[in-house]
Amino acid sequence: MPMLSDDNNALDLVLDVKVKVTVQLGSCQLPMREVLALSPGSIIQLNQHANDPVGLYVNDKLIAYGEVVVVEDSFGIKITELVGSTSAPAA
């Protein structure tokens, strides 16, 4: 395998690698009895408030917080804070 002399060339090798990006709106724990009782129209209350930021995960690692937005007829996320930055997530 040839050695790459430039760090940019090494980075170029991975820039097109696909990663799983997930937005977590919230979560909850339910007894299996309640899971089995779910049907169309059921409502599950999550442990997150409506105005709390959502988490943005890349390959199951939290990297940012954001707010849900509508882009045309799809959902999106507006990044409000990168994990590790000094400011708190915007509400």
PDB file of N, CA and C in Angstrom:
ATOM      1  N   MET A   1       0.851  -1.176   0.000  1.00  0.00           N
ATOM      2  CA  MET A   1       0.000   0.000   0.000  1.00  0.00           C
ATOM      3  C   MET A   1       0.896   1.238   0.000  1.00  0.00           C
ATOM      4  N   PRO A   2       0.671   2.183  -0.907  1.00  0.00           N
ATOM      5  CA  PRO A   2       1.530   3.369  -0.967  1.00  0.00           C
ATOM      6  C   PRO A   2       1.304   4.277   0.236  1.00  0.00           C
ATOM      7  N   MET A   3       2.343   4.920   0.694  1.00  0.00           N
ATOM      8  CA  MET A   3       2.268   5.877   1.801  1.00  0.00           C
ATOM      9  C   MET A   3       1.836   7.227   1.247  1.00  0.00           C
ATOM     10  N   LEU A   4       0.951   7.897   1.949  1.00  0.00           N
ATOM     11  CA  LEU A   4       0.514   9.216   1.534  1.00  0.00           C
ATOM     12  C   LEU A   4       1.323  10.247   2.296  1.00  0.00           C
ATOM     13  N   SER A   5       1.879  11.194   1.576  1.00  0.00           N
ATOM     14  CA  SER A   5       2.738  12.183   2.214  1.00  0.00           C
ATOM     15  C   SER A   5       1.960  13.391   2.722  1.00  0.00           C
ATOM     16  N   ASP A   6       0.769  13.583   2.240  1.00  0.00           N
ATOM     17  CA  ASP A   6       0.009  14.781   2.582  1.00  0.00           C
ATOM     18  C   ASP A   6      -1.217  14.404   3.407  1.00  0.00           C
ATOM     19  N   ASP A   7      -1.428  15.090   4.537  1.00  0.00           N
ATOM     20  CA  ASP A   7      -2.587  14.806   5.386  1.00  0.00           C
ATOM     21  C   ASP A   7      -3.893  15.028   4.639  1.00  0.00           C
ATOM     22  N   ASN A   8      -3.942  16.014   3.730  1.00  0.00           N
ATOM     23  CA  ASN A   8      -5.164  16.266   2.955  1.00  0.00           C
ATOM     24  C   ASN A   8      -5.498  15.071   2.079  1.00  0.00           C
ATOM     25  N   ASN A   9      -4.478  14.424   1.498  1.00  0.00           N
ATOM     26  CA  ASN A   9      -4.735  13.238   0.683  1.00  0.00           C
ATOM     27  C   ASN A   9      -5.298  12.118   1.539  1.00  0.00           C
ATOM     28  N   ALA A  10      -4.804  11.965   2.753  1.00  0.00           N
ATOM     29  CA  ALA A  10      -5.314  10.938   3.657  1.00  0.00           C
ATOM     30  C   ALA A  10      -6.766  11.229   4.025  1.00  0.00           C
ATOM     31  N   LEU A  11      -7.091  12.466   4.273  1.00  0.00           N
ATOM     32  CA  LEU A  11      -8.463  12.843   4.597  1.00  0.00           C
ATOM     33  C   LEU A  11      -9.388  12.610   3.407  1.00  0.00           C
ATOM     34  N   ASP A  12      -8.909  12.883   2.203  1.00  0.00           N
ATOM     35  CA  ASP A  12      -9.718  12.672   1.003  1.00  0.00           C
ATOM     36  C   ASP A  12     -10.191  11.229   0.881  1.00  0.00           C
ATOM     37  N   LEU A  13      -9.425  10.281   1.414  1.00  0.00           N
ATOM     38  CA  LEU A  13      -9.800   8.871   1.329  1.00  0.00           C
ATOM     39  C   LEU A  13     -11.079   8.559   2.088  1.00  0.00           C
ATOM     40  N   VAL A  14     -11.389   9.305   3.131  1.00  0.00           N
ATOM     41  CA  VAL A  14     -12.552   8.978   3.958  1.00  0.00           C
ATOM     42  C   VAL A  14     -13.718   9.952   3.800  1.00  0.00           C
ATOM     43  N   LEU A  15     -13.548  11.015   3.043  1.00  0.00           N
ATOM     44  CA  LEU A  15     -14.608  12.020   2.944  1.00  0.00           C
ATOM     45  C   LEU A  15     -15.889  11.495   2.303  1.00  0.00           C
ATOM     46  N   ASP A  16     -15.814  10.465   1.487  1.00  0.00           N
ATOM     47  CA  ASP A  16     -17.006   9.915   0.843  1.00  0.00           C
ATOM     48  C   ASP A  16     -17.554   8.683   1.549  1.00  0.00           C
ATOM     49  N   VAL A  17     -16.977   8.309   2.696  1.00  0.00           N
ATOM     50  CA  VAL A  17     -17.481   7.170   3.455  1.00  0.00           C
ATOM     51  C   VAL A  17     -18.829   7.552   4.056  1.00  0.00           C
ATOM     52  N   LYS A  18     -19.825   6.703   3.843  1.00  0.00           N
ATOM     53  CA  LYS A  18     -21.166   6.980   4.369  1.00  0.00           C
ATOM     54  C   LYS A  18     -21.223   6.623   5.847  1.00  0.00           C
ATOM     55  N   VAL A  19     -21.882   7.487   6.643  1.00  0.00           N
ATOM     56  CA  VAL A  19     -22.096   7.259   8.067  1.00  0.00           C
ATOM     57  C   VAL A  19     -23.590   7.371   8.349  1.00  0.00           C
ATOM     58  N   LYS A  20     -24.025   6.746   9.428  1.00  0.00           N
ATOM     59  CA  LYS A  20     -25.436   6.811   9.818  1.00  0.00           C
ATOM     60  C   LYS A  20     -25.652   8.072  10.650  1.00  0.00           C
ATOM     61  N   VAL A  21     -26.553   8.937  10.215  1.00  0.00           N
ATOM     62  CA  VAL A  21     -26.898  10.161  10.940  1.00  0.00           C
ATOM     63  C   VAL A  21     -28.322   9.992  11.469  1.00  0.00           C
ATOM     64  N   THR A  22     -28.469  10.191  12.793  1.00  0.00           N
ATOM     65  CA  THR A  22     -29.752   9.989  13.465  1.00  0.00           C
ATOM     66  C   THR A  22     -30.079  11.211  14.307  1.00  0.00           C
ATOM     67  N   VAL A  23     -31.341  11.609  14.298  1.00  0.00           N
ATOM     68  CA  VAL A  23     -31.819  12.669  15.182  1.00  0.00           C
ATOM     69  C   VAL A  23     -32.728  12.014  16.206  1.00  0.00           C
ATOM     70  N   GLN A  24     -32.415  12.229  17.494  1.00  0.00           N
ATOM     71  CA  GLN A  24     -33.231  11.645  18.556  1.00  0.00           C
ATOM     72  C   GLN A  24     -34.132  12.709  19.150  1.00  0.00           C
ATOM     73  N   LEU A  25     -35.410  12.525  18.949  1.00  0.00           N
ATOM     74  CA  LEU A  25     -36.422  13.451  19.444  1.00  0.00           C
ATOM     75  C   LEU A  25     -36.684  13.246  20.927  1.00  0.00           C
ATOM     76  N   GLY A  26     -36.536  12.049  21.399  1.00  0.00           N
ATOM     77  CA  GLY A  26     -36.772  11.708  22.795  1.00  0.00           C
ATOM     78  C   GLY A  26     -36.856  10.210  22.923  1.00  0.00           C
ATOM     79  N   SER A  27     -37.077   9.743  24.135  1.00  0.00           N
ATOM     80  CA  SER A  27     -37.201   8.301  24.347  1.00  0.00           C
ATOM     81  C   SER A  27     -38.062   8.063  25.579  1.00  0.00           C
ATOM     82  N   CYS A  28     -38.383   6.815  25.824  1.00  0.00           N
ATOM     83  CA  CYS A  28     -39.113   6.424  27.020  1.00  0.00           C
ATOM     84  C   CYS A  28     -38.928   4.931  27.212  1.00  0.00           C
ATOM     85  N   GLN A  29     -39.312   4.454  28.363  1.00  0.00           N
ATOM     86  CA  GLN A  29     -39.322   3.020  28.638  1.00  0.00           C
ATOM     87  C   GLN A  29     -40.754   2.602  28.887  1.00  0.00           C
ATOM     88  N   LEU A  30     -41.137   1.515  28.243  1.00  0.00           N
ATOM     89  CA  LEU A  30     -42.490   0.989  28.400  1.00  0.00           C
ATOM     90  C   LEU A  30     -42.416  -0.475  28.781  1.00  0.00           C
ATOM     91  N   PRO A  31     -43.341  -0.927  29.617  1.00  0.00           N
ATOM     92  CA  PRO A  31     -43.437  -2.367  29.862  1.00  0.00           C
ATOM     93  C   PRO A  31     -43.879  -3.062  28.567  1.00  0.00           C
ATOM     94  N   MET A  32     -43.429  -4.280  28.361  1.00  0.00           N
ATOM     95  CA  MET A  32     -43.792  -5.018  27.147  1.00  0.00           C
ATOM     96  C   MET A  32     -45.304  -5.087  26.974  1.00  0.00           C
ATOM     97  N   ARG A  33     -46.049  -5.131  28.068  1.00  0.00           N
ATOM     98  CA  ARG A  33     -47.517  -5.167  28.002  1.00  0.00           C
ATOM     99  C   ARG A  33     -48.046  -3.952  27.222  1.00  0.00           C
ATOM    100  N   GLU A  34     -47.468  -2.770  27.488  1.00  0.00           N
ATOM    101  CA  GLU A  34     -47.905  -1.553  26.790  1.00  0.00           C
ATOM    102  C   GLU A  34     -47.441  -1.542  25.338  1.00  0.00           C
ATOM    103  N   VAL A  35     -46.246  -2.066  25.070  1.00  0.00           N
ATOM    104  CA  VAL A  35     -45.756  -2.147  23.686  1.00  0.00           C
ATOM    105  C   VAL A  35     -46.690  -3.030  22.866  1.00  0.00           C
ATOM    106  N   LEU A  36     -47.082  -4.154  23.410  1.00  0.00           N
ATOM    107  CA  LEU A  36     -47.971  -5.075  22.690  1.00  0.00           C
ATOM    108  C   LEU A  36     -49.362  -4.487  22.484  1.00  0.00           C
ATOM    109  N   ALA A  37     -49.733  -3.514  23.305  1.00  0.00           N
ATOM    110  CA  ALA A  37     -51.053  -2.894  23.186  1.00  0.00           C
ATOM    111  C   ALA A  37     -51.056  -1.724  22.198  1.00  0.00           C
ATOM    112  N   LEU A  38     -49.904  -1.340  21.657  1.00  0.00           N
ATOM    113  CA  LEU A  38     -49.850  -0.219  20.716  1.00  0.00           C
ATOM    114  C   LEU A  38     -50.625  -0.540  19.444  1.00  0.00           C
ATOM    115  N   SER A  39     -51.278   0.490  18.924  1.00  0.00           N
ATOM    116  CA  SER A  39     -52.033   0.349  17.681  1.00  0.00           C
ATOM    117  C   SER A  39     -52.025   1.702  16.985  1.00  0.00           C
ATOM    118  N   PRO A  40     -52.450   1.751  15.719  1.00  0.00           N
ATOM    119  CA  PRO A  40     -52.505   3.051  15.042  1.00  0.00           C
ATOM    120  C   PRO A  40     -53.336   4.040  15.863  1.00  0.00           C
ATOM    121  N   GLY A  41     -52.792   5.227  16.070  1.00  0.00           N
ATOM    122  CA  GLY A  41     -53.458   6.247  16.866  1.00  0.00           C
ATOM    123  C   GLY A  41     -52.960   6.304  18.298  1.00  0.00           C
ATOM    124  N   SER A  42     -52.195   5.297  18.731  1.00  0.00           N
ATOM    125  CA  SER A  42     -51.630   5.317  20.088  1.00  0.00           C
ATOM    126  C   SER A  42     -50.653   6.475  20.210  1.00  0.00           C
ATOM    127  N   ILE A  43     -50.605   7.061  21.390  1.00  0.00           N
ATOM    128  CA  ILE A  43     -49.675   8.157  21.667  1.00  0.00           C
ATOM    129  C   ILE A  43     -48.715   7.701  22.749  1.00  0.00           C
ATOM    130  N   ILE A  44     -47.419   7.911  22.507  1.00  0.00           N
ATOM    131  CA  ILE A  44     -46.388   7.569  23.479  1.00  0.00           C
ATOM    132  C   ILE A  44     -45.752   8.868  23.947  1.00  0.00           C
ATOM    133  N   GLN A  45     -45.780   9.107  25.247  1.00  0.00           N
ATOM    134  CA  GLN A  45     -45.178  10.317  25.799  1.00  0.00           C
ATOM    135  C   GLN A  45     -43.677  10.095  25.965  1.00  0.00           C
ATOM    136  N   LEU A  46     -42.876  11.006  25.396  1.00  0.00           N
ATOM    137  CA  LEU A  46     -41.422  10.915  25.473  1.00  0.00           C
ATOM    138  C   LEU A  46     -40.906  11.694  26.669  1.00  0.00           C
ATOM    139  N   ASN A  47     -39.655  11.448  27.042  1.00  0.00           N
ATOM    140  CA  ASN A  47     -39.060  12.099  28.212  1.00  0.00           C
ATOM    141  C   ASN A  47     -38.454  13.451  27.876  1.00  0.00           C
ATOM    142  N   GLN A  48     -38.846  14.052  26.783  1.00  0.00           N
ATOM    143  CA  GLN A  48     -38.278  15.322  26.346  1.00  0.00           C
ATOM    144  C   GLN A  48     -39.402  16.331  26.150  1.00  0.00           C
ATOM    145  N   HIS A  49     -39.151  17.570  26.549  1.00  0.00           N
ATOM    146  CA  HIS A  49     -40.149  18.627  26.371  1.00  0.00           C
ATOM    147  C   HIS A  49     -40.129  19.117  24.929  1.00  0.00           C
ATOM    148  N   ALA A  50     -41.244  19.687  24.493  1.00  0.00           N
ATOM    149  CA  ALA A  50     -41.389  20.120  23.101  1.00  0.00           C
ATOM    150  C   ALA A  50     -40.363  21.176  22.710  1.00  0.00           C
ATOM    151  N   ASN A  51     -39.907  22.006  23.659  1.00  0.00           N
ATOM    152  CA  ASN A  51     -38.959  23.068  23.300  1.00  0.00           C
ATOM    153  C   ASN A  51     -37.502  22.688  23.577  1.00  0.00           C
ATOM    154  N   ASP A  52     -37.251  21.445  24.034  1.00  0.00           N
ATOM    155  CA  ASP A  52     -35.874  20.991  24.254  1.00  0.00           C
ATOM    156  C   ASP A  52     -35.181  20.736  22.920  1.00  0.00           C
ATOM    157  N   PRO A  53     -33.868  20.951  22.846  1.00  0.00           N
ATOM    158  CA  PRO A  53     -33.149  20.627  21.616  1.00  0.00           C
ATOM    159  C   PRO A  53     -33.106  19.110  21.402  1.00  0.00           C
ATOM    160  N   VAL A  54     -33.051  18.706  20.145  1.00  0.00           N
ATOM    161  CA  VAL A  54     -32.928  17.290  19.805  1.00  0.00           C
ATOM    162  C   VAL A  54     -31.454  16.951  19.641  1.00  0.00           C
ATOM    163  N   GLY A  55     -31.115  15.686  19.804  1.00  0.00           N
ATOM    164  CA  GLY A  55     -29.728  15.259  19.670  1.00  0.00           C
ATOM    165  C   GLY A  55     -29.437  14.780  18.262  1.00  0.00           C
ATOM    166  N   LEU A  56     -28.282  15.162  17.725  1.00  0.00           N
ATOM    167  CA  LEU A  56     -27.822  14.704  16.411  1.00  0.00           C
ATOM    168  C   LEU A  56     -26.676  13.731  16.642  1.00  0.00           C
ATOM    169  N   TYR A  57     -26.851  12.510  16.181  1.00  0.00           N
ATOM    170  CA  TYR A  57     -25.877  11.439  16.378  1.00  0.00           C
ATOM    171  C   TYR A  57     -25.288  11.023  15.031  1.00  0.00           C
ATOM    172  N   VAL A  58     -23.983  10.782  15.009  1.00  0.00           N
ATOM    173  CA  VAL A  58     -23.320  10.202  13.845  1.00  0.00           C
ATOM    174  C   VAL A  58     -22.734   8.878  14.313  1.00  0.00           C
ATOM    175  N   ASN A  59     -23.178   7.786  13.676  1.00  0.00           N
ATOM    176  CA  ASN A  59     -22.777   6.441  14.094  1.00  0.00           C
ATOM    177  C   ASN A  59     -22.944   6.251  15.602  1.00  0.00           C
ATOM    178  N   ASP A  60     -24.104   6.660  16.120  1.00  0.00           N
ATOM    179  CA  ASP A  60     -24.478   6.500  17.532  1.00  0.00           C
ATOM    180  C   ASP A  60     -23.661   7.340  18.508  1.00  0.00           C
ATOM    181  N   LYS A  61     -22.914   8.322  18.028  1.00  0.00           N
ATOM    182  CA  LYS A  61     -22.156   9.223  18.898  1.00  0.00           C
ATOM    183  C   LYS A  61     -22.775  10.617  18.803  1.00  0.00           C
ATOM    184  N   LEU A  62     -23.156  11.186  19.964  1.00  0.00           N
ATOM    185  CA  LEU A  62     -23.756  12.515  19.992  1.00  0.00           C
ATOM    186  C   LEU A  62     -22.726  13.549  19.544  1.00  0.00           C
ATOM    187  N   ILE A  63     -23.059  14.321  18.505  1.00  0.00           N
ATOM    188  CA  ILE A  63     -22.120  15.339  18.019  1.00  0.00           C
ATOM    189  C   ILE A  63     -22.683  16.751  18.088  1.00  0.00           C
ATOM    190  N   ALA A  64     -24.030  16.891  18.185  1.00  0.00           N
ATOM    191  CA  ALA A  64     -24.610  18.234  18.161  1.00  0.00           C
ATOM    192  C   ALA A  64     -26.027  18.205  18.712  1.00  0.00           C
ATOM    193  N   TYR A  65     -26.519  19.409  19.006  1.00  0.00           N
ATOM    194  CA  TYR A  65     -27.917  19.619  19.376  1.00  0.00           C
ATOM    195  C   TYR A  65     -28.529  20.553  18.347  1.00  0.00           C
ATOM    196  N   GLY A  66     -29.839  20.468  18.194  1.00  0.00           N
ATOM    197  CA  GLY A  66     -30.486  21.338  17.236  1.00  0.00           C
ATOM    198  C   GLY A  66     -31.976  21.409  17.470  1.00  0.00           C
ATOM    199  N   GLU A  67     -32.629  22.112  16.562  1.00  0.00           N
ATOM    200  CA  GLU A  67     -34.081  22.234  16.622  1.00  0.00           C
ATOM    201  C   GLU A  67     -34.666  21.711  15.320  1.00  0.00           C
ATOM    202  N   VAL A  68     -35.820  21.078  15.432  1.00  0.00           N
ATOM    203  CA  VAL A  68     -36.490  20.512  14.272  1.00  0.00           C
ATOM    204  C   VAL A  68     -37.083  21.640  13.439  1.00  0.00           C
ATOM    205  N   VAL A  69     -36.874  21.571  12.124  1.00  0.00           N
ATOM    206  CA  VAL A  69     -37.424  22.549  11.185  1.00  0.00           C
ATOM    207  C   VAL A  69     -38.110  21.795  10.058  1.00  0.00           C
ATOM    208  N   VAL A  70     -38.964  22.490   9.330  1.00  0.00           N
ATOM    209  CA  VAL A  70     -39.605  21.923   8.142  1.00  0.00           C
ATOM    210  C   VAL A  70     -38.946  22.553   6.923  1.00  0.00           C
ATOM    211  N   VAL A  71     -38.470  21.702   6.023  1.00  0.00           N
ATOM    212  CA  VAL A  71     -37.840  22.143   4.784  1.00  0.00           C
ATOM    213  C   VAL A  71     -38.697  21.591   3.649  1.00  0.00           C
ATOM    214  N   GLU A  72     -39.420  22.498   2.957  1.00  0.00           N
ATOM    215  CA  GLU A  72     -40.414  22.113   1.962  1.00  0.00           C
ATOM    216  C   GLU A  72     -41.413  21.183   2.623  1.00  0.00           C
ATOM    217  N   ASP A  73     -41.446  19.894   2.250  1.00  0.00           N
ATOM    218  CA  ASP A  73     -42.402  18.985   2.885  1.00  0.00           C
ATOM    219  C   ASP A  73     -41.695  17.897   3.696  1.00  0.00           C
ATOM    220  N   SER A  74     -40.483  18.169   4.128  1.00  0.00           N
ATOM    221  CA  SER A  74     -39.706  17.214   4.924  1.00  0.00           C
ATOM    222  C   SER A  74     -39.231  17.865   6.216  1.00  0.00           C
ATOM    223  N   PHE A  75     -38.876  17.035   7.181  1.00  0.00           N
ATOM    224  CA  PHE A  75     -38.275  17.527   8.413  1.00  0.00           C
ATOM    225  C   PHE A  75     -36.777  17.682   8.220  1.00  0.00           C
ATOM    226  N   GLY A  76     -36.194  18.605   8.972  1.00  0.00           N
ATOM    227  CA  GLY A  76     -34.754  18.796   8.995  1.00  0.00           C
ATOM    228  C   GLY A  76     -34.355  19.186  10.405  1.00  0.00           C
ATOM    229  N   ILE A  77     -33.086  19.471  10.593  1.00  0.00           N
ATOM    230  CA  ILE A  77     -32.593  19.913  11.892  1.00  0.00           C
ATOM    231  C   ILE A  77     -31.671  21.097  11.683  1.00  0.00           C
ATOM    232  N   LYS A  78     -31.888  22.141  12.475  1.00  0.00           N
ATOM    233  CA  LYS A  78     -31.029  23.319  12.474  1.00  0.00           C
ATOM    234  C   LYS A  78     -30.075  23.169  13.653  1.00  0.00           C
ATOM    235  N   ILE A  79     -28.777  23.077  13.385  1.00  0.00           N
ATOM    236  CA  ILE A  79     -27.784  22.875  14.436  1.00  0.00           C
ATOM    237  C   ILE A  79     -27.700  24.136  15.290  1.00  0.00           C
ATOM    238  N   THR A  80     -27.809  23.954  16.609  1.00  0.00           N
ATOM    239  CA  THR A  80     -27.711  25.090  17.535  1.00  0.00           C
ATOM    240  C   THR A  80     -26.451  25.021  18.385  1.00  0.00           C
ATOM    241  N   GLU A  81     -25.889  23.809  18.544  1.00  0.00           N
ATOM    242  CA  GLU A  81     -24.674  23.668  19.351  1.00  0.00           C
ATOM    243  C   GLU A  81     -23.938  22.399  18.955  1.00  0.00           C
ATOM    244  N   LEU A  82     -22.636  22.496  18.791  1.00  0.00           N
ATOM    245  CA  LEU A  82     -21.807  21.324  18.604  1.00  0.00           C
ATOM    246  C   LEU A  82     -21.381  20.820  19.969  1.00  0.00           C
ATOM    247  N   VAL A  83     -21.387  19.529  20.173  1.00  0.00           N
ATOM    248  CA  VAL A  83     -20.984  18.963  21.460  1.00  0.00           C
ATOM    249  C   VAL A  83     -19.525  19.310  21.704  1.00  0.00           C
ATOM    250  N   GLY A  84     -19.249  19.750  22.922  1.00  0.00           N
ATOM    251  CA  GLY A  84     -17.891  20.170  23.266  1.00  0.00           C
ATOM    252  C   GLY A  84     -17.686  21.662  23.155  1.00  0.00           C
ATOM    253  N   SER A  85     -18.646  22.397  22.582  1.00  0.00           N
ATOM    254  CA  SER A  85     -18.536  23.850  22.546  1.00  0.00           C
ATOM    255  C   SER A  85     -18.859  24.400  23.925  1.00  0.00           C
ATOM    256  N   THR A  86     -18.531  25.651  24.171  1.00  0.00           N
ATOM    257  CA  THR A  86     -18.655  26.212  25.514  1.00  0.00           C
ATOM    258  C   THR A  86     -20.057  26.697  25.853  1.00  0.00           C
ATOM    259  N   SER A  87     -20.913  26.924  24.877  1.00  0.00           N
ATOM    260  CA  SER A  87     -22.239  27.458  25.165  1.00  0.00           C
ATOM    261  C   SER A  87     -23.236  26.323  25.395  1.00  0.00           C
ATOM    262  N   ALA A  88     -24.279  26.616  26.130  1.00  0.00           N
ATOM    263  CA  ALA A  88     -25.349  25.645  26.386  1.00  0.00           C
ATOM    264  C   ALA A  88     -26.258  25.557  25.173  1.00  0.00           C
ATOM    265  N   PRO A  89     -26.999  24.452  25.029  1.00  0.00           N
ATOM    266  CA  PRO A  89     -27.914  24.334  23.901  1.00  0.00           C
ATOM    267  C   PRO A  89     -28.991  25.418  23.941  1.00  0.00           C
ATOM    268  N   ALA A  90     -29.308  25.957  22.777  1.00  0.00           N
ATOM    269  CA  ALA A  90     -30.362  26.972  22.702  1.00  0.00           C
ATOM    270  C   ALA A  90     -31.706  26.303  22.889  1.00  0.00           C
ATOM    271  N   ALA A  91     -32.595  26.944  23.630  1.00  0.00           N
ATOM    272  CA  ALA A  91     -33.920  26.366  23.876  1.00  0.00           C
ATOM    273  C   ALA A  91     -34.881  26.727  22.774  1.00  0.00           C
TER     274      ALA A  91
END
